[in-house]
């Protein structure tokens, strides 16, 4: 392999995942790679461009999600007053009927 092309093991190391995951992504067409003999080869600059494109896409999705959450008020959460008045204390009936104790 040259500096410009890498194999599946080197690609996995670059993308911080397993070789099996790299081969799955390549077979599905998500990663740009080429079958060469029994293994896969990848152009390093294509992989770096893929990483940069995906990072920009995910950042834009997070930004849109954050903007959408800020602009829409949450109507499903009921508003409660900050303080609630405590319930009234029970008044014992016998204390008032007998009068003060000696």
N, C-alpha and C. Protein backbone atom coordinates (compact mmCIF):
# COMPACT_ATOMS: atom_id res chain seq x y z
N UNK A 1 0.84 -1.18 0.00
CA UNK A 1 0.00 0.00 0.00
C UNK A 1 0.89 1.25 0.00
N UNK A 2 0.39 2.27 -0.66
CA UNK A 2 1.13 3.54 -0.68
C UNK A 2 0.53 4.46 0.38
N UNK A 3 1.08 5.66 0.45
CA UNK A 3 0.55 6.64 1.41
C UNK A 3 -0.85 7.10 1.01
N UNK A 4 -1.17 7.00 -0.27
CA UNK A 4 -2.46 7.48 -0.75
C UNK A 4 -3.56 6.43 -0.62
N UNK A 5 -3.21 5.15 -0.64
CA UNK A 5 -4.21 4.10 -0.49
C UNK A 5 -3.96 3.33 0.79
N UNK A 6 -5.06 2.89 1.40
CA UNK A 6 -4.96 2.12 2.64
C UNK A 6 -5.87 0.91 2.55
N UNK A 7 -5.62 -0.07 3.38
CA UNK A 7 -6.46 -1.27 3.41
C UNK A 7 -7.55 -1.12 4.47
N UNK A 8 -8.35 -2.17 4.63
CA UNK A 8 -9.48 -2.11 5.56
C UNK A 8 -9.03 -1.94 7.00
N UNK A 9 -7.93 -2.58 7.39
CA UNK A 9 -7.43 -2.45 8.77
C UNK A 9 -7.00 -1.02 9.05
N UNK A 10 -6.30 -0.41 8.11
CA UNK A 10 -5.86 0.97 8.29
C UNK A 10 -7.06 1.93 8.27
N UNK A 11 -8.04 1.61 7.44
CA UNK A 11 -9.25 2.43 7.39
C UNK A 11 -10.00 2.35 8.72
N UNK A 12 -10.07 1.15 9.28
CA UNK A 12 -10.74 0.98 10.57
C UNK A 12 -10.03 1.77 11.65
N UNK A 13 -8.73 1.77 11.61
CA UNK A 13 -7.97 2.55 12.59
C UNK A 13 -8.23 4.04 12.41
N UNK A 14 -8.29 4.48 11.16
CA UNK A 14 -8.53 5.89 10.87
C UNK A 14 -9.92 6.34 11.33
N UNK A 15 -10.91 5.46 11.15
CA UNK A 15 -12.29 5.81 11.50
C UNK A 15 -12.70 5.33 12.89
N UNK A 16 -11.77 4.73 13.62
CA UNK A 16 -12.00 4.28 15.00
C UNK A 16 -13.17 3.30 15.09
N UNK A 17 -13.12 2.27 14.27
CA UNK A 17 -14.13 1.21 14.35
C UNK A 17 -13.49 -0.11 13.91
N UNK A 18 -14.29 -1.14 13.77
CA UNK A 18 -13.76 -2.46 13.43
C UNK A 18 -13.67 -2.64 11.91
N UNK A 19 -12.86 -3.60 11.51
CA UNK A 19 -12.75 -3.91 10.08
C UNK A 19 -14.09 -4.40 9.54
N UNK A 20 -14.81 -5.17 10.34
CA UNK A 20 -16.11 -5.67 9.90
C UNK A 20 -17.07 -4.52 9.61
N UNK A 21 -17.05 -3.50 10.45
CA UNK A 21 -17.93 -2.34 10.24
C UNK A 21 -17.52 -1.59 8.97
N UNK A 22 -16.23 -1.48 8.73
CA UNK A 22 -15.73 -0.82 7.52
C UNK A 22 -16.22 -1.56 6.29
N UNK A 23 -16.10 -2.89 6.31
CA UNK A 23 -16.52 -3.68 5.16
C UNK A 23 -18.03 -3.60 4.95
N UNK A 24 -18.81 -3.56 6.03
CA UNK A 24 -20.26 -3.40 5.92
C UNK A 24 -20.60 -2.06 5.26
N UNK A 25 -19.96 -0.99 5.72
CA UNK A 25 -20.22 0.34 5.16
C UNK A 25 -19.80 0.41 3.70
N UNK A 26 -18.71 -0.28 3.35
CA UNK A 26 -18.23 -0.26 1.97
C UNK A 26 -19.18 -1.05 1.07
N UNK A 27 -19.62 -2.21 1.54
CA UNK A 27 -20.55 -3.02 0.73
C UNK A 27 -21.87 -2.29 0.51
N UNK A 28 -22.32 -1.53 1.51
CA UNK A 28 -23.59 -0.80 1.37
C UNK A 28 -23.44 0.46 0.51
N UNK A 29 -22.21 0.83 0.20
CA UNK A 29 -21.97 1.99 -0.65
C UNK A 29 -21.79 3.29 0.11
N UNK A 30 -21.79 3.24 1.44
CA UNK A 30 -21.64 4.47 2.21
C UNK A 30 -20.18 4.96 2.20
N UNK A 31 -19.25 4.02 2.30
CA UNK A 31 -17.83 4.38 2.24
C UNK A 31 -17.30 4.17 0.83
N UNK A 32 -16.48 5.10 0.33
CA UNK A 32 -15.90 4.91 -0.99
C UNK A 32 -14.71 3.94 -0.91
N UNK A 33 -14.85 2.79 -1.52
CA UNK A 33 -13.78 1.80 -1.52
C UNK A 33 -13.88 0.92 -2.74
N UNK A 34 -12.84 0.11 -2.95
CA UNK A 34 -12.79 -0.75 -4.12
C UNK A 34 -12.31 -2.13 -3.71
N UNK A 35 -12.98 -3.14 -4.21
CA UNK A 35 -12.57 -4.52 -3.95
C UNK A 35 -11.37 -4.80 -4.83
N UNK A 36 -10.28 -5.24 -4.21
CA UNK A 36 -9.06 -5.54 -4.95
C UNK A 36 -8.56 -6.89 -4.46
N UNK A 37 -8.77 -7.91 -5.27
CA UNK A 37 -8.42 -9.26 -4.84
C UNK A 37 -9.41 -9.70 -3.78
N UNK A 38 -8.89 -10.13 -2.64
CA UNK A 38 -9.76 -10.57 -1.54
C UNK A 38 -10.03 -9.47 -0.52
N UNK A 39 -9.38 -8.34 -0.67
CA UNK A 39 -9.55 -7.27 0.30
C UNK A 39 -10.07 -6.00 -0.33
N UNK A 40 -10.27 -5.01 0.50
CA UNK A 40 -10.74 -3.71 0.07
C UNK A 40 -9.60 -2.71 0.16
N UNK A 41 -9.56 -1.77 -0.76
CA UNK A 41 -8.61 -0.66 -0.67
C UNK A 41 -9.40 0.64 -0.72
N UNK A 42 -8.81 1.63 -0.07
CA UNK A 42 -9.47 2.94 0.06
C UNK A 42 -8.47 4.02 -0.26
N UNK A 43 -8.94 5.08 -0.89
CA UNK A 43 -8.11 6.26 -1.12
C UNK A 43 -8.26 7.14 0.11
N UNK A 44 -7.13 7.43 0.74
CA UNK A 44 -7.16 8.14 2.02
C UNK A 44 -7.82 9.51 1.89
N UNK A 45 -7.53 10.24 0.80
CA UNK A 45 -8.13 11.57 0.64
C UNK A 45 -9.66 11.47 0.49
N UNK A 46 -10.16 10.39 -0.16
CA UNK A 46 -11.60 10.20 -0.27
C UNK A 46 -12.22 9.96 1.11
N UNK A 47 -11.55 9.19 1.93
CA UNK A 47 -12.07 8.92 3.28
C UNK A 47 -12.09 10.19 4.13
N UNK A 48 -11.03 10.99 4.02
CA UNK A 48 -10.99 12.24 4.78
C UNK A 48 -12.09 13.20 4.30
N UNK A 49 -12.34 13.21 2.99
CA UNK A 49 -13.43 14.04 2.46
C UNK A 49 -14.78 13.52 2.96
N UNK A 50 -14.93 12.20 3.02
CA UNK A 50 -16.16 11.59 3.54
C UNK A 50 -16.38 11.99 4.99
N UNK A 51 -15.33 11.93 5.80
CA UNK A 51 -15.43 12.30 7.21
C UNK A 51 -15.82 13.77 7.34
N UNK A 52 -15.17 14.64 6.56
CA UNK A 52 -15.47 16.07 6.63
C UNK A 52 -16.90 16.36 6.20
N UNK A 53 -17.37 15.72 5.14
CA UNK A 53 -18.73 15.93 4.66
C UNK A 53 -19.76 15.46 5.69
N UNK A 54 -19.51 14.31 6.25
CA UNK A 54 -20.45 13.77 7.25
C UNK A 54 -20.46 14.63 8.52
N UNK A 55 -19.29 15.11 8.93
CA UNK A 55 -19.22 15.97 10.12
C UNK A 55 -19.99 17.27 9.89
N UNK A 56 -19.85 17.87 8.70
CA UNK A 56 -20.59 19.09 8.39
C UNK A 56 -22.10 18.83 8.38
N UNK A 57 -22.50 17.71 7.80
CA UNK A 57 -23.92 17.36 7.72
C UNK A 57 -24.50 17.16 9.11
N UNK A 58 -23.81 16.42 9.97
CA UNK A 58 -24.30 16.17 11.32
C UNK A 58 -24.34 17.46 12.15
N UNK A 59 -23.35 18.33 11.96
CA UNK A 59 -23.34 19.60 12.69
C UNK A 59 -24.53 20.46 12.26
N UNK A 60 -24.83 20.47 10.97
CA UNK A 60 -25.97 21.24 10.48
C UNK A 60 -27.28 20.68 11.03
N UNK A 61 -27.40 19.35 11.10
CA UNK A 61 -28.61 18.74 11.67
C UNK A 61 -28.76 19.10 13.14
N UNK A 62 -27.66 19.09 13.90
CA UNK A 62 -27.73 19.47 15.32
C UNK A 62 -28.13 20.93 15.46
N UNK A 63 -27.58 21.79 14.60
CA UNK A 63 -27.89 23.21 14.65
C UNK A 63 -29.37 23.45 14.35
N UNK A 64 -29.91 22.76 13.33
CA UNK A 64 -31.32 22.91 12.99
C UNK A 64 -32.21 22.39 14.11
N UNK A 65 -31.82 21.28 14.71
CA UNK A 65 -32.60 20.71 15.80
C UNK A 65 -32.62 21.66 17.00
N UNK A 66 -31.48 22.24 17.32
CA UNK A 66 -31.40 23.18 18.43
C UNK A 66 -32.23 24.43 18.16
N UNK A 67 -32.16 24.94 16.94
CA UNK A 67 -32.95 26.12 16.57
C UNK A 67 -34.44 25.81 16.65
N UNK A 68 -34.83 24.63 16.18
CA UNK A 68 -36.25 24.25 16.22
C UNK A 68 -36.73 24.12 17.65
N UNK A 69 -35.91 23.57 18.53
CA UNK A 69 -36.32 23.42 19.92
C UNK A 69 -36.45 24.76 20.61
N UNK A 70 -35.60 25.73 20.25
CA UNK A 70 -35.66 27.04 20.89
C UNK A 70 -36.86 27.85 20.41
N UNK A 71 -37.26 27.69 19.15
CA UNK A 71 -38.31 28.53 18.58
C UNK A 71 -39.72 28.05 18.91
N UNK A 72 -39.89 26.80 19.24
CA UNK A 72 -41.22 26.26 19.51
C UNK A 72 -41.42 26.13 21.01
N UNK A 73 -42.45 26.81 21.56
CA UNK A 73 -42.69 26.67 23.00
C UNK A 73 -43.24 25.28 23.30
N UNK A 74 -42.90 24.79 24.44
CA UNK A 74 -43.36 23.47 24.85
C UNK A 74 -44.73 23.62 25.47
N UNK A 75 -45.75 23.17 24.77
CA UNK A 75 -47.12 23.30 25.24
C UNK A 75 -47.57 22.08 26.03
N UNK A 76 -46.81 21.01 25.96
CA UNK A 76 -47.22 19.80 26.66
C UNK A 76 -46.87 19.83 28.14
N UNK A 77 -46.07 20.79 28.57
CA UNK A 77 -45.70 20.89 29.98
C UNK A 77 -46.62 21.91 30.65
N UNK A 78 -47.45 21.51 31.62
CA UNK A 78 -48.33 22.46 32.27
C UNK A 78 -47.53 23.45 33.13
N UNK A 79 -47.97 24.69 33.11
CA UNK A 79 -47.31 25.71 33.91
C UNK A 79 -47.84 25.64 35.33
N UNK A 80 -46.94 25.67 36.27
CA UNK A 80 -47.33 25.65 37.68
C UNK A 80 -46.86 26.93 38.34
N UNK A 81 -47.58 27.39 39.33
CA UNK A 81 -47.08 28.57 40.05
C UNK A 81 -45.78 28.22 40.76
N UNK A 82 -44.98 29.23 40.98
CA UNK A 82 -43.68 28.98 41.62
C UNK A 82 -43.85 28.49 43.05
N UNK A 83 -44.74 29.14 43.77
CA UNK A 83 -44.97 28.73 45.16
C UNK A 83 -46.42 28.31 45.31
N UNK A 84 -46.61 27.31 46.10
CA UNK A 84 -47.97 26.88 46.38
C UNK A 84 -48.28 27.24 47.82
N UNK A 85 -49.51 27.65 48.05
CA UNK A 85 -49.90 27.97 49.42
C UNK A 85 -50.07 26.66 50.18
N UNK A 86 -49.60 26.62 51.41
CA UNK A 86 -49.72 25.38 52.17
C UNK A 86 -51.18 25.12 52.54
N UNK A 87 -51.54 23.89 52.73
CA UNK A 87 -52.93 23.59 53.11
C UNK A 87 -53.19 24.10 54.53
N UNK A 88 -54.43 24.43 54.83
CA UNK A 88 -54.73 24.92 56.18
C UNK A 88 -54.53 23.80 57.20
N UNK A 89 -54.09 24.20 58.39
CA UNK A 89 -53.87 23.23 59.46
C UNK A 89 -55.19 22.81 60.07
N UNK A 90 -55.33 21.57 60.46
CA UNK A 90 -56.58 21.16 61.09
C UNK A 90 -56.71 21.77 62.49
N UNK A 91 -57.89 22.12 62.83
CA UNK A 91 -58.17 22.72 64.14
C UNK A 91 -58.84 21.67 65.01
N UNK A 92 -58.23 21.32 66.16
CA UNK A 92 -58.87 20.33 67.02
C UNK A 92 -60.15 20.91 67.65
N UNK A 93 -61.21 20.20 67.58
CA UNK A 93 -62.51 20.67 68.06
C UNK A 93 -62.58 20.65 69.57
N UNK A 94 -61.96 19.70 70.25
CA UNK A 94 -62.04 19.58 71.71
C UNK A 94 -61.34 20.73 72.43
N UNK A 95 -60.28 21.26 71.90
CA UNK A 95 -59.53 22.31 72.58
C UNK A 95 -60.37 23.56 72.74
N UNK A 96 -61.19 23.89 71.77
CA UNK A 96 -62.01 25.09 71.86
C UNK A 96 -63.25 24.84 72.74
N UNK A 97 -63.75 23.66 72.75
CA UNK A 97 -64.96 23.36 73.51
C UNK A 97 -64.68 23.34 75.02
N UNK A 98 -63.52 22.88 75.46
CA UNK A 98 -63.20 22.75 76.88
C UNK A 98 -62.64 24.03 77.46
N UNK A 99 -62.05 24.86 76.65
CA UNK A 99 -61.45 26.07 77.17
C UNK A 99 -59.98 25.84 77.49
N UNK A 100 -59.31 26.84 78.04
CA UNK A 100 -57.88 26.70 78.33
C UNK A 100 -57.64 25.72 79.45
N UNK A 101 -56.52 25.05 79.42
CA UNK A 101 -56.14 24.09 80.45
C UNK A 101 -55.44 24.81 81.60
N UNK A 102 -55.62 24.32 82.82
CA UNK A 102 -54.98 24.96 83.98
C UNK A 102 -53.51 24.62 84.11
